[in-house]
Every structure is written in C-alpha cells, then in structure tokens.
C-alpha atoms as a PDB file:
ATOM      1  CA  UNK A   1     -11.331   4.970   0.864  1.00  0.00           C
ATOM      2  CA  UNK A   2      -9.009   2.192   1.335  1.00  0.00           C
ATOM      3  CA  UNK A   3     -10.245  -1.226   0.667  1.00  0.00           C
ATOM      4  CA  UNK A   4      -8.058  -2.928   3.213  1.00  0.00           C
ATOM      5  CA  UNK A   5      -8.801  -3.483   6.394  1.00  0.00           C
ATOM      6  CA  UNK A   6      -6.598  -3.390   9.782  1.00  0.00           C
ATOM      7  CA  UNK A   7      -6.543  -7.095   9.724  1.00  0.00           C
ATOM      8  CA  UNK A   8      -5.836  -7.595   6.333  1.00  0.00           C
ATOM      9  CA  UNK A   9      -2.218  -5.470   7.379  1.00  0.00           C
ATOM     10  CA  UNK A  10      -1.785  -7.006  10.438  1.00  0.00           C
ATOM     11  CA  UNK A  11      -1.925 -10.736   8.897  1.00  0.00           C
ATOM     12  CA  UNK A  12       0.213  -9.117   5.381  1.00  0.00           C
ATOM     13  CA  UNK A  13       2.571  -8.322   8.990  1.00  0.00           C
ATOM     14  CA  UNK A  14       2.663 -11.655  10.268  1.00  0.00           C
ATOM     15  CA  UNK A  15       3.043 -13.263   6.605  1.00  0.00           C
ATOM     16  CA  UNK A  16       6.306 -11.218   6.126  1.00  0.00           C
ATOM     17  CA  UNK A  17       6.889 -11.745   9.896  1.00  0.00           C
ATOM     18  CA  UNK A  18       7.144  -7.655  10.051  1.00  0.00           C
ATOM     19  CA  UNK A  19       8.182  -6.172  13.963  1.00  0.00           C
ATOM     20  CA  UNK A  20       6.447  -3.287  12.969  1.00  0.00           C
ATOM     21  CA  UNK A  21       3.780  -1.937  10.613  1.00  0.00           C
ATOM     22  CA  UNK A  22       3.553   2.162  10.311  1.00  0.00           C
ATOM     23  CA  UNK A  23       0.147   3.652   9.266  1.00  0.00           C
ATOM     24  CA  UNK A  24       0.231   7.374   8.459  1.00  0.00           C
ATOM     25  CA  UNK A  25      -1.355   9.383   6.044  1.00  0.00           C
ATOM     26  CA  UNK A  26       0.583  10.530   2.982  1.00  0.00           C
ATOM     27  CA  UNK A  27       1.751   7.269   2.903  1.00  0.00           C
ATOM     28  CA  UNK A  28       0.908   3.867   1.781  1.00  0.00           C
ATOM     29  CA  UNK A  29       1.090   1.005   5.200  1.00  0.00           C
ATOM     30  CA  UNK A  30       4.809  -0.065   5.825  1.00  0.00           C
ATOM     31  CA  UNK A  31       6.560  -2.846   7.908  1.00  0.00           C
ATOM     32  CA  UNK A  32       9.287  -3.420   9.533  1.00  0.00           C
ATOM     33  CA  UNK A  33      11.221  -6.602   7.826  1.00  0.00           C
ATOM     34  CA  UNK A  34      14.740  -7.381   9.205  1.00  0.00           C
ATOM     35  CA  UNK A  35      14.923  -3.676   9.843  1.00  0.00           C
ATOM     36  CA  UNK A  36      14.481  -2.566   7.072  1.00  0.00           C
ATOM     37  CA  UNK A  37      11.016  -0.527   5.999  1.00  0.00           C
ATOM     38  CA  UNK A  38       8.573  -2.089   3.281  1.00  0.00           C
ATOM     39  CA  UNK A  39       5.838   0.247   2.193  1.00  0.00           C
ATOM     40  CA  UNK A  40       2.726  -2.665   0.871  1.00  0.00           C
ATOM     41  CA  UNK A  41       3.883  -2.047  -2.654  1.00  0.00           C
ATOM     42  CA  UNK A  42      -0.105  -2.303  -4.189  1.00  0.00           C
ATOM     43  CA  UNK A  43      -1.592   0.001  -1.820  1.00  0.00           C
ATOM     44  CA  UNK A  44      -1.923   3.652  -2.489  1.00  0.00           C
ATOM     45  CA  UNK A  45      -0.721   6.628   0.166  1.00  0.00           C
ATOM     46  CA  UNK A  46      -3.343   6.820   3.125  1.00  0.00           C
ATOM     47  CA  UNK A  47      -5.624   9.557   3.523  1.00  0.00           C
ATOM     48  CA  UNK A  48      -6.289  11.021   6.984  1.00  0.00           C
ATOM     49  CA  UNK A  49      -9.740   9.113   6.582  1.00  0.00           C
ATOM     50  CA  UNK A  50      -8.423   6.334   5.990  1.00  0.00           C
ATOM     51  CA  UNK A  51      -5.885   5.916   8.548  1.00  0.00           C
ATOM     52  CA  UNK A  52      -8.231   6.947  10.933  1.00  0.00           C
ATOM     53  CA  UNK A  53     -10.851   4.816   9.446  1.00  0.00           C
ATOM     54  CA  UNK A  54      -7.470   1.744   9.915  1.00  0.00           C
ATOM     55  CA  UNK A  55      -6.773   2.770  13.629  1.00  0.00           C
ATOM     56  CA  UNK A  56     -10.668   2.717  14.985  1.00  0.00           C
ATOM     57  CA  UNK A  57     -10.923  -0.946  13.796  1.00  0.00           C
ATOM     58  CA  UNK A  58      -8.250  -2.136  16.362  1.00  0.00           C
ATOM     59  CA  UNK A  59      -8.085   0.334  18.930  1.00  0.00           C
ATOM     60  CA  UNK A  60     -10.176   0.517  22.071  1.00  0.00           C
ATOM     61  CA  UNK A  61     -11.789   3.538  23.576  1.00  0.00           C
ATOM     62  CA  UNK A  62      -9.076   4.718  25.527  1.00  0.00           C
ATOM     63  CA  UNK A  63      -6.450   3.945  22.589  1.00  0.00           C
ATOM     64  CA  UNK A  64      -9.098   6.082  20.234  1.00  0.00           C
ATOM     65  CA  UNK A  65      -8.892   9.155  22.751  1.00  0.00           C
ATOM     66  CA  UNK A  66      -5.441   9.467  23.344  1.00  0.00           C
ATOM     67  CA  UNK A  67      -4.658   9.653  19.776  1.00  0.00           C
ATOM     68  CA  UNK A  68      -7.016  11.964  19.412  1.00  0.00           C
ATOM     69  CA  UNK A  69      -5.833  14.286  22.278  1.00  0.00           C
ATOM     70  CA  UNK A  70      -1.766  13.513  21.501  1.00  0.00           C
ATOM     71  CA  UNK A  71      -1.663  13.090  17.300  1.00  0.00           C
ATOM     72  CA  UNK A  72       0.238  10.128  17.942  1.00  0.00           C
ATOM     73  CA  UNK A  73       0.381   6.718  20.044  1.00  0.00           C
ATOM     74  CA  UNK A  74       2.784   3.768  19.766  1.00  0.00           C
ATOM     75  CA  UNK A  75       0.508   0.177  20.324  1.00  0.00           C
ATOM     76  CA  UNK A  76       1.472  -3.238  20.644  1.00  0.00           C
ATOM     77  CA  UNK A  77      -1.596  -5.293  19.272  1.00  0.00           C
END
C-alpha cells in the first residue's frame, strides 16, 4: 500500500508548478511540468488498490460513481 496520500501528491504538484497530475495503476504518480511528464522518483508503481485509495480521497460520491461506471475521469481540483 502506498504511503503517500492524495493531498501529499497535490502539494508536490503545487510546489513544482504542475499543470496536471496523473494517477494510473501500474505507474508511479506523475506530474506535467512545463509540458513534460515527470514521474515522482521516490514512488513505486501504483497498484489498482493504491489508485482507488488516492482517487477516493479527493472525489465526492458522484465523481466516484462516474469513475466506477466509466473507468476514467477528468477532474479539476
């Protein structure tokens, strides 16, 4: 299980001036900084359980239901 919380990743994104944050099973969390995708270097690839945990931390019930129905979501935070 990942030790980072969603808000930790968001904080890193703000500190690095990321325009986007990517959370995907099989890859470490990633940030888009000045047009380039950068993986968080000290984070292992996320498991499906990690990805679900991180997503659920920041989603409301409606967003969570959409993710479970469509298996993807694009959201702003």
